[in-house]
PDB file of N, CA and C in Angstrom:
ATOM      1  N   MET A   1      95.084 101.316 120.682  1.00  0.00           N
ATOM      2  CA  MET A   1      96.166 100.642 120.239  1.00  0.00           C
ATOM      3  C   MET A   1      96.545 100.613 119.244  1.00  0.00           C
ATOM      4  N   ALA A   2      98.196 100.689 119.032  1.00  0.00           N
ATOM      5  CA  ALA A   2      98.842 100.695 117.915  1.00  0.00           C
ATOM      6  C   ALA A   2      99.625  99.295 117.662  1.00  0.00           C
ATOM      7  N   PHE A   3      99.231  98.888 116.136  1.00  0.00           N
ATOM      8  CA  PHE A   3      99.949  97.833 115.848  1.00  0.00           C
ATOM      9  C   PHE A   3     100.976  97.904 114.814  1.00  0.00           C
ATOM     10  N   THR A   4     102.191  97.314 114.537  1.00  0.00           N
ATOM     11  CA  THR A   4     102.889  97.267 113.986  1.00  0.00           C
ATOM     12  C   THR A   4     102.382  95.970 112.835  1.00  0.00           C
ATOM     13  N   SER A   5     102.250  96.381 111.667  1.00  0.00           N
ATOM     14  CA  SER A   5     101.563  95.167 110.708  1.00  0.00           C
ATOM     15  C   SER A   5     102.173  95.061 109.098  1.00  0.00           C
ATOM     16  N   ALA A   6     102.124  93.493 108.570  1.00  0.00           N
ATOM     17  CA  ALA A   6     102.338  93.582 107.128  1.00  0.00           C
ATOM     18  C   ALA A   6     101.697  93.055 106.426  1.00  0.00           C
ATOM     19  N   TYR A   7     101.654  93.188 105.541  1.00  0.00           N
ATOM     20  CA  TYR A   7     100.475  92.580 104.590  1.00  0.00           C
ATOM     21  C   TYR A   7     101.016  92.147 103.260  1.00  0.00           C
ATOM     22  N   ALA A   8     100.138  91.097 102.845  1.00  0.00           N
ATOM     23  CA  ALA A   8     100.766  90.462 101.430  1.00  0.00           C
ATOM     24  C   ALA A   8      99.366  90.559 100.859  1.00  0.00           C
ATOM     25  N   TYR A   9      99.567  90.908  99.511  1.00  0.00           N
ATOM     26  CA  TYR A   9      98.022  90.952  98.591  1.00  0.00           C
ATOM     27  C   TYR A   9      98.391  90.522  97.001  1.00  0.00           C
ATOM     28  N   SER A  10      97.821  89.572  96.723  1.00  0.00           N
ATOM     29  CA  SER A  10      97.945  88.786  95.272  1.00  0.00           C
ATOM     30  C   SER A  10      96.356  89.023  94.737  1.00  0.00           C
ATOM     31  N   PRO A  11      96.019  89.850  93.791  1.00  0.00           N
ATOM     32  CA  PRO A  11      94.701  89.893  93.494  1.00  0.00           C
ATOM     33  C   PRO A  11      94.244  88.471  92.824  1.00  0.00           C
ATOM     34  N   SER A  12      95.322  87.793  92.423  1.00  0.00           N
ATOM     35  CA  SER A  12      94.263  86.481  92.165  1.00  0.00           C
ATOM     36  C   SER A  12      94.303  85.310  93.396  1.00  0.00           C
ATOM     37  N   VAL A  13      94.731  85.732  94.748  1.00  0.00           N
ATOM     38  CA  VAL A  13      95.182  84.187  95.577  1.00  0.00           C
ATOM     39  C   VAL A  13      93.940  85.044  96.494  1.00  0.00           C
ATOM     40  N   GLY A  14      93.976  86.072  97.258  1.00  0.00           N
ATOM     41  CA  GLY A  14      93.421  86.162  98.531  1.00  0.00           C
ATOM     42  C   GLY A  14      93.122  87.412  99.201  1.00  0.00           C
ATOM     43  N   VAL A  15      92.708  87.726 100.135  1.00  0.00           N
ATOM     44  CA  VAL A  15      92.232  88.865 100.795  1.00  0.00           C
ATOM     45  C   VAL A  15      93.085  89.260 101.891  1.00  0.00           C
ATOM     46  N   PRO A  16      94.086  90.065 101.655  1.00  0.00           N
ATOM     47  CA  PRO A  16      95.166  90.749 102.940  1.00  0.00           C
ATOM     48  C   PRO A  16      94.297  90.747 104.205  1.00  0.00           C
ATOM     49  N   ILE A  17      95.173  90.114 105.413  1.00  0.00           N
ATOM     50  CA  ILE A  17      94.740  90.214 106.669  1.00  0.00           C
ATOM     51  C   ILE A  17      95.719  90.471 107.427  1.00  0.00           C
ATOM     52  N   VAL A  18      95.598  91.934 108.154  1.00  0.00           N
ATOM     53  CA  VAL A  18      96.730  92.685 108.939  1.00  0.00           C
ATOM     54  C   VAL A  18      96.995  91.892 110.163  1.00  0.00           C
ATOM     55  N   ILE A  19      98.691  91.530 110.555  1.00  0.00           N
ATOM     56  CA  ILE A  19      98.942  90.998 111.501  1.00  0.00           C
ATOM     57  C   ILE A  19      99.572  91.791 112.550  1.00  0.00           C
ATOM     58  N   GLY A  20      99.734  91.874 113.591  1.00  0.00           N
ATOM     59  CA  GLY A  20     100.540  92.799 114.382  1.00  0.00           C
ATOM     60  C   GLY A  20     100.926  92.002 115.759  1.00  0.00           C
ATOM     61  N   THR A  21     101.601  92.874 116.338  1.00  0.00           N
ATOM     62  CA  THR A  21     102.639  92.564 117.365  1.00  0.00           C
ATOM     63  C   THR A  21     102.144  92.944 118.512  1.00  0.00           C
ATOM     64  N   GLY A  22     103.082  91.844 119.587  1.00  0.00           N
ATOM     65  CA  GLY A  22     102.073  93.131 121.325  1.00  0.00           C
ATOM     66  C   GLY A  22     101.409  92.278 121.783  1.00  0.00           C
ATOM     67  N   GLY A  23     101.199  91.832 122.907  1.00  0.00           N
ATOM     68  CA  GLY A  23     100.369  91.742 124.168  1.00  0.00           C
ATOM     69  C   GLY A  23      99.951  90.745 124.095  1.00  0.00           C
ATOM     70  N   ASP A  24      98.758  90.510 124.536  1.00  0.00           N
ATOM     71  CA  ASP A  24      97.273  89.255 124.244  1.00  0.00           C
ATOM     72  C   ASP A  24      96.863  89.751 122.715  1.00  0.00           C
ATOM     73  N   GLY A  25      96.844  91.001 122.490  1.00  0.00           N
ATOM     74  CA  GLY A  25      95.782  91.114 121.410  1.00  0.00           C
ATOM     75  C   GLY A  25      94.637  91.845 121.909  1.00  0.00           C
ATOM     76  N   SER A  26      94.412  92.185 123.010  1.00  0.00           N
ATOM     77  CA  SER A  26      93.334  92.400 123.991  1.00  0.00           C
ATOM     78  C   SER A  26      92.853  93.731 123.610  1.00  0.00           C
ATOM     79  N   GLY A  27      94.020  94.424 123.617  1.00  0.00           N
ATOM     80  CA  GLY A  27      93.658  95.945 123.959  1.00  0.00           C
ATOM     81  C   GLY A  27      94.054  96.434 125.031  1.00  0.00           C
ATOM     82  N   GLY A  28      94.800  95.574 125.836  1.00  0.00           N
ATOM     83  CA  GLY A  28      94.353  96.035 127.203  1.00  0.00           C
ATOM     84  C   GLY A  28      95.602  96.630 127.720  1.00  0.00           C
ATOM     85  N   GLY A  29      96.541  96.825 126.733  1.00  0.00           N
ATOM     86  CA  GLY A  29      97.968  97.414 126.822  1.00  0.00           C
ATOM     87  C   GLY A  29      99.015  96.708 127.553  1.00  0.00           C
ATOM     88  N   GLU A  30      98.830  95.589 128.477  1.00  0.00           N
ATOM     89  CA  GLU A  30     100.102  95.134 128.816  1.00  0.00           C
ATOM     90  C   GLU A  30     101.057  94.241 127.892  1.00  0.00           C
ATOM     91  N   GLY A  31     101.999  94.690 127.916  1.00  0.00           N
ATOM     92  CA  GLY A  31     102.611  94.028 126.659  1.00  0.00           C
ATOM     93  C   GLY A  31     102.608  94.869 125.422  1.00  0.00           C
ATOM     94  N   ASP A  32     101.941  95.308 124.908  1.00  0.00           N
ATOM     95  CA  ASP A  32     101.428  96.029 123.771  1.00  0.00           C
ATOM     96  C   ASP A  32     102.582  97.111 123.587  1.00  0.00           C
ATOM     97  N   ASP A  33     103.133  97.349 122.477  1.00  0.00           N
ATOM     98  CA  ASP A  33     104.194  98.395 122.633  1.00  0.00           C
ATOM     99  C   ASP A  33     104.166  99.412 121.650  1.00  0.00           C
ATOM    100  N   PRO A  34     103.391 100.277 121.490  1.00  0.00           N
ATOM    101  CA  PRO A  34     103.080 101.345 120.764  1.00  0.00           C
ATOM    102  C   PRO A  34     103.966 101.820 120.011  1.00  0.00           C
ATOM    103  N   ASN A  35     104.811 102.229 120.430  1.00  0.00           N
ATOM    104  CA  ASN A  35     106.397 102.801 119.928  1.00  0.00           C
ATOM    105  C   ASN A  35     107.316 101.335 118.846  1.00  0.00           C
ATOM    106  N   SER A  36     106.750 100.571 118.948  1.00  0.00           N
ATOM    107  CA  SER A  36     107.519  99.352 118.259  1.00  0.00           C
ATOM    108  C   SER A  36     106.931  99.108 117.235  1.00  0.00           C
ATOM    109  N   HIS A  37     108.478  99.577 115.915  1.00  0.00           N
ATOM    110  CA  HIS A  37     108.078  99.535 114.476  1.00  0.00           C
ATOM    111  C   HIS A  37     108.622  98.250 113.951  1.00  0.00           C
ATOM    112  N   ALA A  38     109.058  97.640 114.505  1.00  0.00           N
ATOM    113  CA  ALA A  38     109.915  96.319 113.963  1.00  0.00           C
ATOM    114  C   ALA A  38     108.929  95.766 112.972  1.00  0.00           C
ATOM    115  N   PRO A  39     109.296  95.075 111.818  1.00  0.00           N
ATOM    116  CA  PRO A  39     108.596  94.433 110.688  1.00  0.00           C
ATOM    117  C   PRO A  39     107.793  93.336 111.046  1.00  0.00           C
ATOM    118  N   VAL A  40     106.901  92.841 110.855  1.00  0.00           N
ATOM    119  CA  VAL A  40     106.307  91.928 111.162  1.00  0.00           C
ATOM    120  C   VAL A  40     106.415  90.538 109.755  1.00  0.00           C
ATOM    121  N   PRO A  41     107.610  89.739 110.757  1.00  0.00           N
ATOM    122  CA  PRO A  41     107.710  88.560 109.637  1.00  0.00           C
ATOM    123  C   PRO A  41     106.960  87.492 109.092  1.00  0.00           C
ATOM    124  N   ILE A  42     105.334  87.751 109.001  1.00  0.00           N
ATOM    125  CA  ILE A  42     104.177  87.008 108.867  1.00  0.00           C
ATOM    126  C   ILE A  42     103.262  87.939 107.728  1.00  0.00           C
ATOM    127  N   ALA A  43     102.664  86.910 107.106  1.00  0.00           N
ATOM    128  CA  ALA A  43     101.397  87.697 106.334  1.00  0.00           C
ATOM    129  C   ALA A  43     100.603  87.015 106.271  1.00  0.00           C
ATOM    130  N   CYS A  44      99.059  87.089 106.520  1.00  0.00           N
ATOM    131  CA  CYS A  44      98.183  86.351 106.046  1.00  0.00           C
ATOM    132  C   CYS A  44      97.211  86.605 104.991  1.00  0.00           C
ATOM    133  N   GLU A  45      96.551  85.634 104.416  1.00  0.00           N
ATOM    134  CA  GLU A  45      95.353  86.010 103.488  1.00  0.00           C
ATOM    135  C   GLU A  45      94.617  85.410 103.679  1.00  0.00           C
ATOM    136  N   TYR A  46      92.983  85.859 103.411  1.00  0.00           N
ATOM    137  CA  TYR A  46      92.149  84.400 103.526  1.00  0.00           C
ATOM    138  C   TYR A  46      91.438  84.006 102.153  1.00  0.00           C
ATOM    139  N   ILE A  47      91.999  82.721 102.090  1.00  0.00           N
ATOM    140  CA  ILE A  47      91.453  82.188 100.897  1.00  0.00           C
ATOM    141  C   ILE A  47      89.814  81.909 100.243  1.00  0.00           C
ATOM    142  N   ASP A  48      89.153  82.362  99.535  1.00  0.00           N
ATOM    143  CA  ASP A  48      87.559  82.603  99.859  1.00  0.00           C
ATOM    144  C   ASP A  48      87.515  81.014  98.827  1.00  0.00           C
ATOM    145  N   ASP A  49      87.751  80.762  97.675  1.00  0.00           N
ATOM    146  CA  ASP A  49      88.108  79.734  97.141  1.00  0.00           C
ATOM    147  C   ASP A  49      87.848  78.061  97.481  1.00  0.00           C
ATOM    148  N   ILE A  50      88.875  78.117  98.759  1.00  0.00           N
ATOM    149  CA  ILE A  50      88.555  77.046  99.655  1.00  0.00           C
ATOM    150  C   ILE A  50      88.620  77.836 100.822  1.00  0.00           C
ATOM    151  N   PRO A  51      87.720  77.641 101.507  1.00  0.00           N
ATOM    152  CA  PRO A  51      87.806  79.046 102.720  1.00  0.00           C
ATOM    153  C   PRO A  51      89.078  78.278 103.794  1.00  0.00           C
ATOM    154  N   SER A  52      90.467  79.212 103.690  1.00  0.00           N
ATOM    155  CA  SER A  52      91.389  78.791 104.339  1.00  0.00           C
ATOM    156  C   SER A  52      92.279  79.990 104.487  1.00  0.00           C
ATOM    157  N   LEU A  53      93.081  80.272 105.918  1.00  0.00           N
ATOM    158  CA  LEU A  53      94.036  80.829 105.492  1.00  0.00           C
ATOM    159  C   LEU A  53      95.319  80.718 105.179  1.00  0.00           C
ATOM    160  N   MET A  54      96.120  81.722 104.550  1.00  0.00           N
ATOM    161  CA  MET A  54      97.148  81.143 103.829  1.00  0.00           C
ATOM    162  C   MET A  54      98.421  82.182 104.743  1.00  0.00           C
ATOM    163  N   PHE A  55      99.066  81.547 105.595  1.00  0.00           N
ATOM    164  CA  PHE A  55     100.028  82.397 105.981  1.00  0.00           C
ATOM    165  C   PHE A  55     101.618  82.278 105.602  1.00  0.00           C
ATOM    166  N   SER A  56     102.092  83.304 105.083  1.00  0.00           N
ATOM    167  CA  SER A  56     103.715  83.410 104.487  1.00  0.00           C
ATOM    168  C   SER A  56     104.777  83.887 105.927  1.00  0.00           C
ATOM    169  N   PHE A  57     105.425  83.151 106.230  1.00  0.00           N
ATOM    170  CA  PHE A  57     106.372  83.317 107.140  1.00  0.00           C
ATOM    171  C   PHE A  57     108.090  84.141 106.169  1.00  0.00           C
ATOM    172  N   TYR A  58     108.311  85.301 107.018  1.00  0.00           N
ATOM    173  CA  TYR A  58     109.741  85.519 105.975  1.00  0.00           C
ATOM    174  C   TYR A  58     110.769  85.419 106.956  1.00  0.00           C
ATOM    175  N   SER A  59     110.511  84.489 108.237  1.00  0.00           N
ATOM    176  CA  SER A  59     111.778  84.303 109.086  1.00  0.00           C
ATOM    177  C   SER A  59     111.201  83.522 109.624  1.00  0.00           C
ATOM    178  N   ASP A  60     112.614  82.373 109.766  1.00  0.00           N
ATOM    179  CA  ASP A  60     112.130  81.477 110.626  1.00  0.00           C
ATOM    180  C   ASP A  60     112.291  81.878 112.060  1.00  0.00           C
ATOM    181  N   LEU A  61     110.316  81.783 112.447  1.00  0.00           N
ATOM    182  CA  LEU A  61     110.308  81.606 113.931  1.00  0.00           C
ATOM    183  C   LEU A  61     110.135  80.234 114.876  1.00  0.00           C
ATOM    184  N   GLY A  62     110.843  78.916 114.360  1.00  0.00           N
ATOM    185  CA  GLY A  62     110.658  77.933 114.808  1.00  0.00           C
ATOM    186  C   GLY A  62     109.458  77.345 114.931  1.00  0.00           C
ATOM    187  N   ASN A  63     108.921  76.416 115.393  1.00  0.00           N
ATOM    188  CA  ASN A  63     107.440  75.938 115.743  1.00  0.00           C
ATOM    189  C   ASN A  63     106.456  77.621 116.282  1.00  0.00           C
ATOM    190  N   VAL A  64     105.457  77.324 115.832  1.00  0.00           N
ATOM    191  CA  VAL A  64     104.424  78.479 116.026  1.00  0.00           C
ATOM    192  C   VAL A  64     102.998  77.670 116.340  1.00  0.00           C
ATOM    193  N   THR A  65     102.320  78.034 117.299  1.00  0.00           N
ATOM    194  CA  THR A  65     101.043  77.908 117.682  1.00  0.00           C
ATOM    195  C   THR A  65      99.837  78.778 117.030  1.00  0.00           C
ATOM    196  N   ILE A  66      99.267  78.306 116.140  1.00  0.00           N
ATOM    197  CA  ILE A  66      98.233  79.516 115.349  1.00  0.00           C
ATOM    198  C   ILE A  66      97.001  79.071 115.514  1.00  0.00           C
ATOM    199  N   THR A  67      96.349  79.755 116.439  1.00  0.00           N
ATOM    200  CA  THR A  67      94.658  79.650 116.684  1.00  0.00           C
ATOM    201  C   THR A  67      93.872  80.466 115.833  1.00  0.00           C
ATOM    202  N   ILE A  68      92.897  80.228 115.299  1.00  0.00           N
ATOM    203  CA  ILE A  68      91.784  80.790 114.804  1.00  0.00           C
ATOM    204  C   ILE A  68      90.863  80.488 115.805  1.00  0.00           C
ATOM    205  N   THR A  69      89.651  81.860 115.468  1.00  0.00           N
ATOM    206  CA  THR A  69      89.043  81.372 116.346  1.00  0.00           C
ATOM    207  C   THR A  69      87.805  82.227 116.127  1.00  0.00           C
ATOM    208  N   ASN A  70      86.351  81.615 115.789  1.00  0.00           N
ATOM    209  CA  ASN A  70      85.099  82.419 115.348  1.00  0.00           C
ATOM    210  C   ASN A  70      84.590  83.006 116.552  1.00  0.00           C
ATOM    211  N   LEU A  71      84.489  84.220 116.776  1.00  0.00           N
ATOM    212  CA  LEU A  71      84.178  84.438 118.234  1.00  0.00           C
ATOM    213  C   LEU A  71      82.562  84.843 118.117  1.00  0.00           C
ATOM    214  N   ILE A  72      81.879  84.174 117.284  1.00  0.00           N
ATOM    215  CA  ILE A  72      80.536  84.234 117.170  1.00  0.00           C
ATOM    216  C   ILE A  72      79.772  82.622 117.040  1.00  0.00           C
ATOM    217  N   THR A  73      80.580  81.762 116.463  1.00  0.00           N
ATOM    218  CA  THR A  73      79.951  80.245 116.349  1.00  0.00           C
ATOM    219  C   THR A  73      80.740  79.553 117.946  1.00  0.00           C
ATOM    220  N   GLY A  74      82.067  79.975 118.039  1.00  0.00           N
ATOM    221  CA  GLY A  74      82.879  79.465 119.022  1.00  0.00           C
ATOM    222  C   GLY A  74      83.954  78.840 118.388  1.00  0.00           C
ATOM    223  N   GLU A  75      83.445  78.108 116.886  1.00  0.00           N
ATOM    224  CA  GLU A  75      84.754  77.099 116.067  1.00  0.00           C
ATOM    225  C   GLU A  75      86.247  77.820 116.312  1.00  0.00           C
ATOM    226  N   ILE A  76      86.873  76.951 117.175  1.00  0.00           N
ATOM    227  CA  ILE A  76      88.416  76.903 116.897  1.00  0.00           C
ATOM    228  C   ILE A  76      88.980  75.896 116.334  1.00  0.00           C
ATOM    229  N   VAL A  77      90.189  76.659 115.507  1.00  0.00           N
ATOM    230  CA  VAL A  77      90.884  75.737 114.676  1.00  0.00           C
ATOM    231  C   VAL A  77      92.922  76.433 115.321  1.00  0.00           C
ATOM    232  N   SER A  78      93.103  75.329 115.601  1.00  0.00           N
ATOM    233  CA  SER A  78      94.719  75.341 115.833  1.00  0.00           C
ATOM    234  C   SER A  78      95.503  74.284 115.283  1.00  0.00           C
ATOM    235  N   ARG A  79      96.596  74.933 115.392  1.00  0.00           N
ATOM    236  CA  ARG A  79      97.630  73.933 114.637  1.00  0.00           C
ATOM    237  C   ARG A  79      99.202  74.708 115.123  1.00  0.00           C
ATOM    238  N   VAL A  80      99.907  73.704 115.081  1.00  0.00           N
ATOM    239  CA  VAL A  80     101.461  73.936 115.520  1.00  0.00           C
ATOM    240  C   VAL A  80     102.147  73.724 114.273  1.00  0.00           C
ATOM    241  N   VAL A  81     103.063  74.583 114.020  1.00  0.00           N
ATOM    242  CA  VAL A  81     103.427  74.942 112.487  1.00  0.00           C
ATOM    243  C   VAL A  81     104.804  75.109 112.349  1.00  0.00           C
ATOM    244  N   ASP A  82     105.497  74.626 111.650  1.00  0.00           N
ATOM    245  CA  ASP A  82     106.996  74.605 111.209  1.00  0.00           C
ATOM    246  C   ASP A  82     106.914  76.078 110.488  1.00  0.00           C
ATOM    247  N   THR A  83     107.794  77.786 110.663  1.00  0.00           N
ATOM    248  CA  THR A  83     107.802  78.071 109.673  1.00  0.00           C
ATOM    249  C   THR A  83     108.909  78.213 109.123  1.00  0.00           C
ATOM    250  N   GLN A  84     109.702  77.311 108.999  1.00  0.00           N
ATOM    251  CA  GLN A  84     110.739  76.829 107.991  1.00  0.00           C
ATOM    252  C   GLN A  84     110.071  76.629 106.833  1.00  0.00           C
ATOM    253  N   LEU A  85     108.855  75.941 106.503  1.00  0.00           N
ATOM    254  CA  LEU A  85     108.591  75.847 104.978  1.00  0.00           C
ATOM    255  C   LEU A  85     108.027  77.028 104.369  1.00  0.00           C
ATOM    256  N   GLY A  86     107.910  77.935 105.237  1.00  0.00           N
ATOM    257  CA  GLY A  86     107.610  79.679 104.553  1.00  0.00           C
ATOM    258  C   GLY A  86     106.052  79.584 104.000  1.00  0.00           C
ATOM    259  N   ILE A  87     105.009  78.637 103.802  1.00  0.00           N
ATOM    260  CA  ILE A  87     104.029  79.221 103.556  1.00  0.00           C
ATOM    261  C   ILE A  87     103.216  77.879 104.022  1.00  0.00           C
ATOM    262  N   ILE A  88     102.058  78.295 105.071  1.00  0.00           N
ATOM    263  CA  ILE A  88     101.664  77.225 105.627  1.00  0.00           C
ATOM    264  C   ILE A  88      99.628  78.080 105.168  1.00  0.00           C
ATOM    265  N   ASN A  89      98.802  76.640 104.953  1.00  0.00           N
ATOM    266  CA  ASN A  89      97.416  77.057 104.566  1.00  0.00           C
ATOM    267  C   ASN A  89      96.941  76.012 105.650  1.00  0.00           C
ATOM    268  N   ILE A  90      95.817  77.136 106.004  1.00  0.00           N
ATOM    269  CA  ILE A  90      95.052  76.261 107.333  1.00  0.00           C
ATOM    270  C   ILE A  90      93.570  76.547 106.638  1.00  0.00           C
ATOM    271  N   PRO A  91      92.954  75.439 106.788  1.00  0.00           N
ATOM    272  CA  PRO A  91      91.680  75.238 106.591  1.00  0.00           C
ATOM    273  C   PRO A  91      90.167  75.677 107.897  1.00  0.00           C
ATOM    274  N   ILE A  92      89.620  76.812 107.184  1.00  0.00           N
ATOM    275  CA  ILE A  92      88.681  76.909 108.475  1.00  0.00           C
ATOM    276  C   ILE A  92      87.039  76.873 107.728  1.00  0.00           C
ATOM    277  N   SER A  93      86.288  76.902 108.567  1.00  0.00           N
ATOM    278  CA  SER A  93      84.693  76.625 107.854  1.00  0.00           C
ATOM    279  C   SER A  93      84.212  77.262 106.857  1.00  0.00           C
ATOM    280  N   GLY A  94      84.680  78.184 107.099  1.00  0.00           N
ATOM    281  CA  GLY A  94      84.000  79.657 106.321  1.00  0.00           C
ATOM    282  C   GLY A  94      82.641  80.195 106.563  1.00  0.00           C
ATOM    283  N   ASN A  95      82.278  79.936 107.804  1.00  0.00           N
ATOM    284  CA  ASN A  95      81.240  80.253 108.180  1.00  0.00           C
ATOM    285  C   ASN A  95      81.054  82.129 108.442  1.00  0.00           C
ATOM    286  N   ALA A  96      79.791  82.722 108.767  1.00  0.00           N
ATOM    287  CA  ALA A  96      80.230  83.678 108.973  1.00  0.00           C
ATOM    288  C   ALA A  96      80.913  84.360 110.474  1.00  0.00           C
ATOM    289  N   GLY A  97      81.359  85.242 110.675  1.00  0.00           N
ATOM    290  CA  GLY A  97      81.415  85.696 111.852  1.00  0.00           C
ATOM    291  C   GLY A  97      82.611  86.254 111.731  1.00  0.00           C
ATOM    292  N   TYR A  98      83.117  87.011 113.198  1.00  0.00           N
ATOM    293  CA  TYR A  98      84.053  87.786 113.182  1.00  0.00           C
ATOM    294  C   TYR A  98      85.558  86.866 114.273  1.00  0.00           C
ATOM    295  N   TYR A  99      86.426  86.701 113.458  1.00  0.00           N
ATOM    296  CA  TYR A  99      87.331  85.777 113.681  1.00  0.00           C
ATOM    297  C   TYR A  99      88.695  86.676 114.292  1.00  0.00           C
ATOM    298  N   TYR A 100      89.488  85.633 115.328  1.00  0.00           N
ATOM    299  CA  TYR A 100      90.212  86.367 115.810  1.00  0.00           C
ATOM    300  C   TYR A 100      91.485  85.395 115.494  1.00  0.00           C
ATOM    301  N   ILE A 101      92.740  85.789 115.300  1.00  0.00           N
ATOM    302  CA  ILE A 101      94.140  85.155 114.836  1.00  0.00           C
ATOM    303  C   ILE A 101      95.125  85.308 116.031  1.00  0.00           C
ATOM    304  N   SER A 102      95.564  84.426 116.677  1.00  0.00           N
ATOM    305  CA  SER A 102      96.748  84.515 117.742  1.00  0.00           C
ATOM    306  C   SER A 102      97.827  83.690 117.241  1.00  0.00           C
ATOM    307  N   ILE A 103      98.776  83.905 117.089  1.00  0.00           N
ATOM    308  CA  ILE A 103     100.230  83.139 116.930  1.00  0.00           C
ATOM    309  C   ILE A 103     101.089  83.803 117.801  1.00  0.00           C
ATOM    310  N   MET A 104     101.479  82.051 118.351  1.00  0.00           N
ATOM    311  CA  MET A 104     102.333  82.139 119.516  1.00  0.00           C
ATOM    312  C   MET A 104     103.365  81.367 119.113  1.00  0.00           C
ATOM    313  N   THR A 105     104.809  82.648 119.326  1.00  0.00           N
ATOM    314  CA  THR A 105     105.986  81.611 119.130  1.00  0.00           C
ATOM    315  C   THR A 105     106.311  80.789 120.506  1.00  0.00           C
ATOM    316  N   SER A 106     107.558  79.812 120.182  1.00  0.00           N
ATOM    317  CA  SER A 106     108.085  79.177 121.304  1.00  0.00           C
ATOM    318  C   SER A 106     108.818  80.326 122.191  1.00  0.00           C
ATOM    319  N   SER A 107     108.914  81.397 122.037  1.00  0.00           N
ATOM    320  CA  SER A 107     109.547  81.809 122.839  1.00  0.00           C
ATOM    321  C   SER A 107     108.604  82.988 123.336  1.00  0.00           C
ATOM    322  N   GLY A 108     107.653  83.292 123.046  1.00  0.00           N
ATOM    323  CA  GLY A 108     106.612  83.867 123.658  1.00  0.00           C
ATOM    324  C   GLY A 108     106.301  84.913 123.029  1.00  0.00           C
ATOM    325  N   GLN A 109     106.471  84.964 121.860  1.00  0.00           N
ATOM    326  CA  GLN A 109     105.825  86.211 121.106  1.00  0.00           C
ATOM    327  C   GLN A 109     104.919  86.089 120.475  1.00  0.00           C
ATOM    328  N   ASN A 110     103.771  87.127 120.783  1.00  0.00           N
ATOM    329  CA  ASN A 110     102.572  87.100 120.254  1.00  0.00           C
ATOM    330  C   ASN A 110     102.351  88.050 118.784  1.00  0.00           C
ATOM    331  N   TYR A 111     101.788  87.180 118.004  1.00  0.00           N
ATOM    332  CA  TYR A 111     101.222  88.087 116.695  1.00  0.00           C
ATOM    333  C   TYR A 111     100.098  88.014 116.648  1.00  0.00           C
ATOM    334  N   HIS A 112      99.007  88.886 115.971  1.00  0.00           N
ATOM    335  CA  HIS A 112      97.651  88.417 116.099  1.00  0.00           C
ATOM    336  C   HIS A 112      96.894  89.228 115.227  1.00  0.00           C
ATOM    337  N   GLY A 113      95.662  89.169 114.869  1.00  0.00           N
ATOM    338  CA  GLY A 113      95.174  89.472 113.352  1.00  0.00           C
ATOM    339  C   GLY A 113      93.573  89.472 113.657  1.00  0.00           C
ATOM    340  N   GLN A 114      92.451  89.934 112.837  1.00  0.00           N
ATOM    341  CA  GLN A 114      90.902  89.994 113.171  1.00  0.00           C
ATOM    342  C   GLN A 114      90.932  90.264 111.484  1.00  0.00           C
ATOM    343  N   PHE A 115      89.721  89.401 111.364  1.00  0.00           N
ATOM    344  CA  PHE A 115      88.878  89.772 110.240  1.00  0.00           C
ATOM    345  C   PHE A 115      87.376  89.479 110.097  1.00  0.00           C
ATOM    346  N   THR A 116      86.249  89.520 109.344  1.00  0.00           N
ATOM    347  CA  THR A 116      84.981  89.357 109.396  1.00  0.00           C
ATOM    348  C   THR A 116      84.613  88.616 107.862  1.00  0.00           C
ATOM    349  N   LEU A 117      83.673  87.977 108.645  1.00  0.00           N
ATOM    350  CA  LEU A 117      82.754  86.757 107.171  1.00  0.00           C
ATOM    351  C   LEU A 117      81.588  87.174 107.409  1.00  0.00           C
TER     352      LEU A 117
END
């Protein structure tokens, strides 16, 4: 499956996490558009000092639901946020695991990413 992705990286702040578009993120192909090269208006970084994810929104997507799931422990953190704020910080436990990020807009567009701690 092909992802359109965007990164933001600041060596003094955090570790970048690739955010992609299309489908439900499962890789099943339905809704995924491998030919899409539209820029992703979201960047994400893991902040180690205070276990959290920092999301930067480069366009107003309205309210979005961000769900972060640790697939090993079952931990789920979910927040509805206003992207007009530009930067959002969401604390997570920092427990070891394989994390999946889902960002759903009110119009139904799905963005997703994954990382391992």
